[in-house]
């Protein structure tokens, strides 16, 4: 997996810190924050799974359930990306 998603999110999150976004841009930045936090949690879980040897078909099912719970309804189409 490339680091395009995290870098794309950073583009939106840096201006949040400096408070340079317009009111129209803020919802996009909020979604970027949600995505970057989800990717961080997913990465940590993946590292633990790799270290403990937890892998297989059941893992894929658990990941999909986790992603569905993590992301808001408007981001549900992205869950299919991780199948």
PDB file of N, CA and C in Angstrom:
ATOM      1  N   UNK A   1       0.842  -1.175   0.000  1.00  0.00           N
ATOM      2  CA  UNK A   1       0.000   0.000   0.000  1.00  0.00           C
ATOM      3  C   UNK A   1       0.890   1.242   0.000  1.00  0.00           C
ATOM      4  N   UNK A   2       0.536   2.175  -0.801  1.00  0.00           N
ATOM      5  CA  UNK A   2       1.330   3.398  -0.858  1.00  0.00           C
ATOM      6  C   UNK A   2       0.911   4.345   0.249  1.00  0.00           C
ATOM      7  N   UNK A   3       1.654   5.401   0.384  1.00  0.00           N
ATOM      8  CA  UNK A   3       1.334   6.371   1.431  1.00  0.00           C
ATOM      9  C   UNK A   3       0.577   7.575   0.875  1.00  0.00           C
ATOM     10  N   UNK A   4      -0.149   7.373  -0.225  1.00  0.00           N
ATOM     11  CA  UNK A   4      -0.903   8.463  -0.848  1.00  0.00           C
ATOM     12  C   UNK A   4      -2.000   8.977   0.074  1.00  0.00           C
ATOM     13  N   UNK A   5      -2.755   8.078   0.683  1.00  0.00           N
ATOM     14  CA  UNK A   5      -3.860   8.507   1.556  1.00  0.00           C
ATOM     15  C   UNK A   5      -3.359   9.324   2.741  1.00  0.00           C
ATOM     16  N   UNK A   6      -2.336   8.852   3.468  1.00  0.00           N
ATOM     17  CA  UNK A   6      -1.860   9.670   4.581  1.00  0.00           C
ATOM     18  C   UNK A   6      -1.320  11.032   4.135  1.00  0.00           C
ATOM     19  N   UNK A   7      -0.601  11.053   3.037  1.00  0.00           N
ATOM     20  CA  UNK A   7      -0.061  12.333   2.561  1.00  0.00           C
ATOM     21  C   UNK A   7      -1.172  13.261   2.093  1.00  0.00           C
ATOM     22  N   UNK A   8      -2.193  12.700   1.463  1.00  0.00           N
ATOM     23  CA  UNK A   8      -3.337  13.504   1.051  1.00  0.00           C
ATOM     24  C   UNK A   8      -4.048  14.104   2.250  1.00  0.00           C
ATOM     25  N   UNK A   9      -4.134  13.331   3.310  1.00  0.00           N
ATOM     26  CA  UNK A   9      -4.765  13.821   4.539  1.00  0.00           C
ATOM     27  C   UNK A   9      -3.925  14.932   5.173  1.00  0.00           C
ATOM     28  N   UNK A  10      -2.609  14.761   5.144  1.00  0.00           N
ATOM     29  CA  UNK A  10      -1.727  15.769   5.719  1.00  0.00           C
ATOM     30  C   UNK A  10      -1.897  17.118   5.033  1.00  0.00           C
ATOM     31  N   UNK A  11      -2.171  17.088   3.729  1.00  0.00           N
ATOM     32  CA  UNK A  11      -2.383  18.329   2.989  1.00  0.00           C
ATOM     33  C   UNK A  11      -3.537  19.118   3.594  1.00  0.00           C
ATOM     34  N   UNK A  12      -4.548  18.407   4.073  1.00  0.00           N
ATOM     35  CA  UNK A  12      -5.714  19.065   4.674  1.00  0.00           C
ATOM     36  C   UNK A  12      -5.509  19.367   6.150  1.00  0.00           C
ATOM     37  N   UNK A  13      -4.710  18.573   6.840  1.00  0.00           N
ATOM     38  CA  UNK A  13      -4.569  18.742   8.275  1.00  0.00           C
ATOM     39  C   UNK A  13      -3.585  19.843   8.670  1.00  0.00           C
ATOM     40  N   UNK A  14      -2.565  20.076   7.858  1.00  0.00           N
ATOM     41  CA  UNK A  14      -1.613  21.154   8.170  1.00  0.00           C
ATOM     42  C   UNK A  14      -2.299  22.510   8.263  1.00  0.00           C
ATOM     43  N   UNK A  15      -3.156  22.874   7.299  1.00  0.00           N
ATOM     44  CA  UNK A  15      -3.839  24.171   7.416  1.00  0.00           C
ATOM     45  C   UNK A  15      -4.797  24.252   8.602  1.00  0.00           C
ATOM     46  N   UNK A  16      -5.282  23.113   9.086  1.00  0.00           N
ATOM     47  CA  UNK A  16      -6.148  23.127  10.266  1.00  0.00           C
ATOM     48  C   UNK A  16      -5.361  23.665  11.459  1.00  0.00           C
ATOM     49  N   UNK A  17      -4.129  23.187  11.596  1.00  0.00           N
ATOM     50  CA  UNK A  17      -3.286  23.620  12.710  1.00  0.00           C
ATOM     51  C   UNK A  17      -2.999  25.122  12.640  1.00  0.00           C
ATOM     52  N   UNK A  18      -2.817  25.635  11.448  1.00  0.00           N
ATOM     53  CA  UNK A  18      -2.518  27.063  11.303  1.00  0.00           C
ATOM     54  C   UNK A  18      -3.780  27.912  11.151  1.00  0.00           C
ATOM     55  N   UNK A  19      -4.935  27.240  11.182  1.00  0.00           N
ATOM     56  CA  UNK A  19      -6.238  27.915  11.096  1.00  0.00           C
ATOM     57  C   UNK A  19      -6.371  28.778   9.844  1.00  0.00           C
ATOM     58  N   UNK A  20      -5.970  28.197   8.701  1.00  0.00           N
ATOM     59  CA  UNK A  20      -6.052  28.931   7.440  1.00  0.00           C
ATOM     60  C   UNK A  20      -7.121  28.394   6.504  1.00  0.00           C
ATOM     61  N   UNK A  21      -7.924  27.423   6.959  1.00  0.00           N
ATOM     62  CA  UNK A  21      -8.975  26.870   6.112  1.00  0.00           C
ATOM     63  C   UNK A  21     -10.230  27.735   6.179  1.00  0.00           C
ATOM     64  N   UNK A  22     -10.976  27.724   5.092  1.00  0.00           N
ATOM     65  CA  UNK A  22     -12.252  28.420   5.069  1.00  0.00           C
ATOM     66  C   UNK A  22     -13.323  27.503   5.670  1.00  0.00           C
ATOM     67  N   UNK A  23     -14.493  28.054   5.948  1.00  0.00           N
ATOM     68  CA  UNK A  23     -15.594  27.253   6.498  1.00  0.00           C
ATOM     69  C   UNK A  23     -15.996  26.144   5.538  1.00  0.00           C
ATOM     70  N   UNK A  24     -15.882  26.378   4.251  1.00  0.00           N
ATOM     71  CA  UNK A  24     -16.237  25.371   3.243  1.00  0.00           C
ATOM     72  C   UNK A  24     -15.227  24.227   3.264  1.00  0.00           C
ATOM     73  N   UNK A  25     -13.973  24.516   3.557  1.00  0.00           N
ATOM     74  CA  UNK A  25     -12.926  23.494   3.548  1.00  0.00           C
ATOM     75  C   UNK A  25     -12.893  22.662   4.827  1.00  0.00           C
ATOM     76  N   UNK A  26     -13.449  23.171   5.909  1.00  0.00           N
ATOM     77  CA  UNK A  26     -13.383  22.468   7.190  1.00  0.00           C
ATOM     78  C   UNK A  26     -13.993  21.062   7.173  1.00  0.00           C
ATOM     79  N   UNK A  27     -15.152  20.828   6.524  1.00  0.00           N
ATOM     80  CA  UNK A  27     -15.672  19.454   6.496  1.00  0.00           C
ATOM     81  C   UNK A  27     -14.722  18.466   5.813  1.00  0.00           C
ATOM     82  N   UNK A  28     -14.010  18.909   4.802  1.00  0.00           N
ATOM     83  CA  UNK A  28     -13.041  18.023   4.132  1.00  0.00           C
ATOM     84  C   UNK A  28     -11.899  17.706   5.091  1.00  0.00           C
ATOM     85  N   UNK A  29     -11.440  18.707   5.809  1.00  0.00           N
ATOM     86  CA  UNK A  29     -10.368  18.501   6.783  1.00  0.00           C
ATOM     87  C   UNK A  29     -10.818  17.556   7.896  1.00  0.00           C
ATOM     88  N   UNK A  30     -12.079  17.660   8.319  1.00  0.00           N
ATOM     89  CA  UNK A  30     -12.599  16.755   9.351  1.00  0.00           C
ATOM     90  C   UNK A  30     -12.606  15.313   8.855  1.00  0.00           C
ATOM     91  N   UNK A  31     -12.957  15.115   7.602  1.00  0.00           N
ATOM     92  CA  UNK A  31     -12.944  13.756   7.034  1.00  0.00           C
ATOM     93  C   UNK A  31     -11.518  13.245   6.887  1.00  0.00           C
ATOM     94  N   UNK A  32     -10.599  14.146   6.543  1.00  0.00           N
ATOM     95  CA  UNK A  32      -9.188  13.756   6.449  1.00  0.00           C
ATOM     96  C   UNK A  32      -8.675  13.317   7.812  1.00  0.00           C
ATOM     97  N   UNK A  33      -9.082  14.023   8.849  1.00  0.00           N
ATOM     98  CA  UNK A  33      -8.687  13.657  10.210  1.00  0.00           C
ATOM     99  C   UNK A  33      -9.240  12.277  10.575  1.00  0.00           C
ATOM    100  N   UNK A  34     -10.499  12.039  10.248  1.00  0.00           N
ATOM    101  CA  UNK A  34     -11.117  10.741  10.503  1.00  0.00           C
ATOM    102  C   UNK A  34     -10.355   9.629   9.780  1.00  0.00           C
ATOM    103  N   UNK A  35     -10.021   9.865   8.531  1.00  0.00           N
ATOM    104  CA  UNK A  35      -9.314   8.854   7.739  1.00  0.00           C
ATOM    105  C   UNK A  35      -7.915   8.594   8.290  1.00  0.00           C
ATOM    106  N   UNK A  36      -7.180   9.643   8.624  1.00  0.00           N
ATOM    107  CA  UNK A  36      -5.813   9.451   9.113  1.00  0.00           C
ATOM    108  C   UNK A  36      -5.810   8.724  10.456  1.00  0.00           C
ATOM    109  N   UNK A  37      -6.784   9.023  11.310  1.00  0.00           N
ATOM    110  CA  UNK A  37      -6.882   8.311  12.590  1.00  0.00           C
ATOM    111  C   UNK A  37      -7.243   6.840  12.359  1.00  0.00           C
ATOM    112  N   UNK A  38      -8.133   6.597  11.423  1.00  0.00           N
ATOM    113  CA  UNK A  38      -8.494   5.218  11.093  1.00  0.00           C
ATOM    114  C   UNK A  38      -7.321   4.432  10.549  1.00  0.00           C
ATOM    115  N   UNK A  39      -6.535   5.079   9.677  1.00  0.00           N
ATOM    116  CA  UNK A  39      -5.351   4.420   9.134  1.00  0.00           C
ATOM    117  C   UNK A  39      -4.325   4.138  10.232  1.00  0.00           C
ATOM    118  N   UNK A  40      -4.195   5.065  11.173  1.00  0.00           N
ATOM    119  CA  UNK A  40      -3.251   4.849  12.278  1.00  0.00           C
ATOM    120  C   UNK A  40      -3.685   3.659  13.127  1.00  0.00           C
ATOM    121  N   UNK A  41      -4.970   3.603  13.478  1.00  0.00           N
ATOM    122  CA  UNK A  41      -5.474   2.476  14.271  1.00  0.00           C
ATOM    123  C   UNK A  41      -5.307   1.170  13.511  1.00  0.00           C
ATOM    124  N   UNK A  42      -5.627   1.207  12.230  1.00  0.00           N
ATOM    125  CA  UNK A  42      -5.514   0.004  11.403  1.00  0.00           C
ATOM    126  C   UNK A  42      -4.065  -0.458  11.330  1.00  0.00           C
ATOM    127  N   UNK A  43      -3.140   0.487  11.182  1.00  0.00           N
ATOM    128  CA  UNK A  43      -1.722   0.143  11.123  1.00  0.00           C
ATOM    129  C   UNK A  43      -1.234  -0.488  12.409  1.00  0.00           C
ATOM    130  N   UNK A  44      -1.654   0.043  13.524  1.00  0.00           N
ATOM    131  CA  UNK A  44      -1.248  -0.509  14.819  1.00  0.00           C
ATOM    132  C   UNK A  44      -1.789  -1.928  14.986  1.00  0.00           C
ATOM    133  N   UNK A  45      -3.044  -2.117  14.639  1.00  0.00           N
ATOM    134  CA  UNK A  45      -3.643  -3.449  14.738  1.00  0.00           C
ATOM    135  C   UNK A  45      -2.916  -4.425  13.807  1.00  0.00           C
ATOM    136  N   UNK A  46      -2.581  -3.972  12.610  1.00  0.00           N
ATOM    137  CA  UNK A  46      -1.859  -4.835  11.661  1.00  0.00           C
ATOM    138  C   UNK A  46      -0.494  -5.238  12.215  1.00  0.00           C
ATOM    139  N   UNK A  47       0.200  -4.309  12.863  1.00  0.00           N
ATOM    140  CA  UNK A  47       1.497  -4.632  13.453  1.00  0.00           C
ATOM    141  C   UNK A  47       1.360  -5.672  14.561  1.00  0.00           C
ATOM    142  N   UNK A  48       0.346  -5.519  15.393  1.00  0.00           N
ATOM    143  CA  UNK A  48       0.112  -6.492  16.468  1.00  0.00           C
ATOM    144  C   UNK A  48      -0.247  -7.848  15.872  1.00  0.00           C
ATOM    145  N   UNK A  49      -1.111  -7.849  14.845  1.00  0.00           N
ATOM    146  CA  UNK A  49      -1.482  -9.110  14.201  1.00  0.00           C
ATOM    147  C   UNK A  49      -0.267  -9.799  13.595  1.00  0.00           C
ATOM    148  N   UNK A  50       0.591  -9.030  12.978  1.00  0.00           N
ATOM    149  CA  UNK A  50       1.798  -9.597  12.368  1.00  0.00           C
ATOM    150  C   UNK A  50       2.719 -10.162  13.445  1.00  0.00           C
ATOM    151  N   UNK A  51       2.875  -9.442  14.526  1.00  0.00           N
ATOM    152  CA  UNK A  51       3.764  -9.884  15.602  1.00  0.00           C
ATOM    153  C   UNK A  51       3.236 -11.135  16.307  1.00  0.00           C
ATOM    154  N   UNK A  52       1.912 -11.259  16.387  1.00  0.00           N
ATOM    155  CA  UNK A  52       1.324 -12.406  17.094  1.00  0.00           C
ATOM    156  C   UNK A  52       0.982 -13.563  16.168  1.00  0.00           C
ATOM    157  N   UNK A  53       1.099 -13.332  14.864  1.00  0.00           N
ATOM    158  CA  UNK A  53       0.802 -14.396  13.915  1.00  0.00           C
ATOM    159  C   UNK A  53      -0.672 -14.562  13.606  1.00  0.00           C
ATOM    160  N   UNK A  54      -1.487 -13.589  13.986  1.00  0.00           N
ATOM    161  CA  UNK A  54      -2.928 -13.656  13.715  1.00  0.00           C
ATOM    162  C   UNK A  54      -3.174 -13.271  12.264  1.00  0.00           C
ATOM    163  N   UNK A  55      -3.466 -14.268  11.446  1.00  0.00           N
ATOM    164  CA  UNK A  55      -3.691 -14.026  10.028  1.00  0.00           C
ATOM    165  C   UNK A  55      -4.719 -15.014   9.508  1.00  0.00           C
ATOM    166  N   UNK A  56      -5.164 -14.828   8.296  1.00  0.00           N
ATOM    167  CA  UNK A  56      -6.080 -15.779   7.679  1.00  0.00           C
ATOM    168  C   UNK A  56      -7.388 -15.157   7.250  1.00  0.00           C
ATOM    169  N   UNK A  57      -8.293 -16.015   6.814  1.00  0.00           N
ATOM    170  CA  UNK A  57      -9.588 -15.576   6.294  1.00  0.00           C
ATOM    171  C   UNK A  57     -10.406 -14.878   7.379  1.00  0.00           C
ATOM    172  N   UNK A  58     -10.371 -15.418   8.581  1.00  0.00           N
ATOM    173  CA  UNK A  58     -11.125 -14.807   9.676  1.00  0.00           C
ATOM    174  C   UNK A  58     -10.643 -13.383   9.934  1.00  0.00           C
ATOM    175  N   UNK A  59      -9.341 -13.171   9.774  1.00  0.00           N
ATOM    176  CA  UNK A  59      -8.789 -11.837   9.973  1.00  0.00           C
ATOM    177  C   UNK A  59      -9.408 -10.842   8.996  1.00  0.00           C
ATOM    178  N   UNK A  60      -9.565 -11.249   7.749  1.00  0.00           N
ATOM    179  CA  UNK A  60     -10.146 -10.358   6.741  1.00  0.00           C
ATOM    180  C   UNK A  60     -11.564  -9.945   7.143  1.00  0.00           C
ATOM    181  N   UNK A  61     -12.338 -10.897   7.624  1.00  0.00           N
ATOM    182  CA  UNK A  61     -13.694 -10.607   8.066  1.00  0.00           C
ATOM    183  C   UNK A  61     -13.678  -9.619   9.238  1.00  0.00           C
ATOM    184  N   UNK A  62     -12.784  -9.843  10.183  1.00  0.00           N
ATOM    185  CA  UNK A  62     -12.694  -8.939  11.326  1.00  0.00           C
ATOM    186  C   UNK A  62     -12.281  -7.536  10.896  1.00  0.00           C
ATOM    187  N   UNK A  63     -11.350  -7.456   9.933  1.00  0.00           N
ATOM    188  CA  UNK A  63     -10.911  -6.145   9.425  1.00  0.00           C
ATOM    189  C   UNK A  63     -12.078  -5.395   8.797  1.00  0.00           C
ATOM    190  N   UNK A  64     -12.868  -6.084   7.998  1.00  0.00           N
ATOM    191  CA  UNK A  64     -13.997  -5.423   7.339  1.00  0.00           C
ATOM    192  C   UNK A  64     -15.008  -4.926   8.369  1.00  0.00           C
ATOM    193  N   UNK A  65     -15.271  -5.724   9.389  1.00  0.00           N
ATOM    194  CA  UNK A  65     -16.181  -5.281  10.452  1.00  0.00           C
ATOM    195  C   UNK A  65     -15.614  -4.049  11.167  1.00  0.00           C
ATOM    196  N   UNK A  66     -14.318  -4.094  11.443  1.00  0.00           N
ATOM    197  CA  UNK A  66     -13.671  -2.973  12.115  1.00  0.00           C
ATOM    198  C   UNK A  66     -13.765  -1.703  11.262  1.00  0.00           C
ATOM    199  N   UNK A  67     -13.467  -1.814   9.977  1.00  0.00           N
ATOM    200  CA  UNK A  67     -13.519  -0.653   9.087  1.00  0.00           C
ATOM    201  C   UNK A  67     -14.936  -0.105   8.974  1.00  0.00           C
ATOM    202  N   UNK A  68     -15.912  -0.971   8.910  1.00  0.00           N
ATOM    203  CA  UNK A  68     -17.306  -0.515   8.824  1.00  0.00           C
ATOM    204  C   UNK A  68     -17.705   0.287  10.062  1.00  0.00           C
ATOM    205  N   UNK A  69     -17.259  -0.181  11.225  1.00  0.00           N
ATOM    206  CA  UNK A  69     -17.572   0.541  12.456  1.00  0.00           C
ATOM    207  C   UNK A  69     -16.809   1.853  12.542  1.00  0.00           C
ATOM    208  N   UNK A  70     -15.594   1.859  12.024  1.00  0.00           N
ATOM    209  CA  UNK A  70     -14.705   3.005  12.159  1.00  0.00           C
ATOM    210  C   UNK A  70     -15.143   4.200  11.319  1.00  0.00           C
ATOM    211  N   UNK A  71     -15.522   3.918  10.088  1.00  0.00           N
ATOM    212  CA  UNK A  71     -15.810   5.007   9.167  1.00  0.00           C
ATOM    213  C   UNK A  71     -17.292   5.353   9.148  1.00  0.00           C
ATOM    214  N   UNK A  72     -17.561   6.617   8.992  1.00  0.00           N
ATOM    215  CA  UNK A  72     -18.936   7.108   8.931  1.00  0.00           C
ATOM    216  C   UNK A  72     -19.619   6.589   7.670  1.00  0.00           C
ATOM    217  N   UNK A  73     -20.961   6.680   7.647  1.00  0.00           N
ATOM    218  CA  UNK A  73     -21.732   6.175   6.507  1.00  0.00           C
ATOM    219  C   UNK A  73     -21.261   6.753   5.185  1.00  0.00           C
ATOM    220  N   UNK A  74     -20.922   8.029   5.170  1.00  0.00           N
ATOM    221  CA  UNK A  74     -20.525   8.644   3.898  1.00  0.00           C
ATOM    222  C   UNK A  74     -19.194   8.116   3.371  1.00  0.00           C
ATOM    223  N   UNK A  75     -18.427   7.437   4.235  1.00  0.00           N
ATOM    224  CA  UNK A  75     -17.161   6.860   3.801  1.00  0.00           C
ATOM    225  C   UNK A  75     -17.260   5.360   3.529  1.00  0.00           C
ATOM    226  N   UNK A  76     -18.445   4.765   3.674  1.00  0.00           N
ATOM    227  CA  UNK A  76     -18.632   3.331   3.483  1.00  0.00           C
ATOM    228  C   UNK A  76     -18.130   2.825   2.128  1.00  0.00           C
ATOM    229  N   UNK A  77     -18.297   3.564   1.013  1.00  0.00           N
ATOM    230  CA  UNK A  77     -17.780   3.044  -0.261  1.00  0.00           C
ATOM    231  C   UNK A  77     -16.283   2.746  -0.226  1.00  0.00           C
ATOM    232  N   UNK A  78     -15.526   3.417   0.656  1.00  0.00           N
ATOM    233  CA  UNK A  78     -14.095   3.170   0.733  1.00  0.00           C
ATOM    234  C   UNK A  78     -13.774   1.834   1.378  1.00  0.00           C
ATOM    235  N   UNK A  79     -14.690   1.290   2.158  1.00  0.00           N
ATOM    236  CA  UNK A  79     -14.441  -0.013   2.792  1.00  0.00           C
ATOM    237  C   UNK A  79     -14.163  -1.062   1.734  1.00  0.00           C
ATOM    238  N   UNK A  80     -14.862  -0.962   0.592  1.00  0.00           N
ATOM    239  CA  UNK A  80     -14.650  -1.918  -0.494  1.00  0.00           C
ATOM    240  C   UNK A  80     -13.217  -1.880  -1.009  1.00  0.00           C
ATOM    241  N   UNK A  81     -12.551  -0.756  -0.887  1.00  0.00           N
ATOM    242  CA  UNK A  81     -11.166  -0.617  -1.337  1.00  0.00           C
ATOM    243  C   UNK A  81     -10.249  -1.553  -0.587  1.00  0.00           C
ATOM    244  N   UNK A  82     -10.567  -1.862   0.671  1.00  0.00           N
ATOM    245  CA  UNK A  82      -9.682  -2.653   1.514  1.00  0.00           C
ATOM    246  C   UNK A  82     -10.002  -4.143   1.473  1.00  0.00           C
ATOM    247  N   UNK A  83     -10.901  -4.568   0.601  1.00  0.00           N
ATOM    248  CA  UNK A  83     -11.220  -6.006   0.509  1.00  0.00           C
ATOM    249  C   UNK A  83     -10.170  -6.740  -0.260  1.00  0.00           C
TER     250      UNK A  83
END
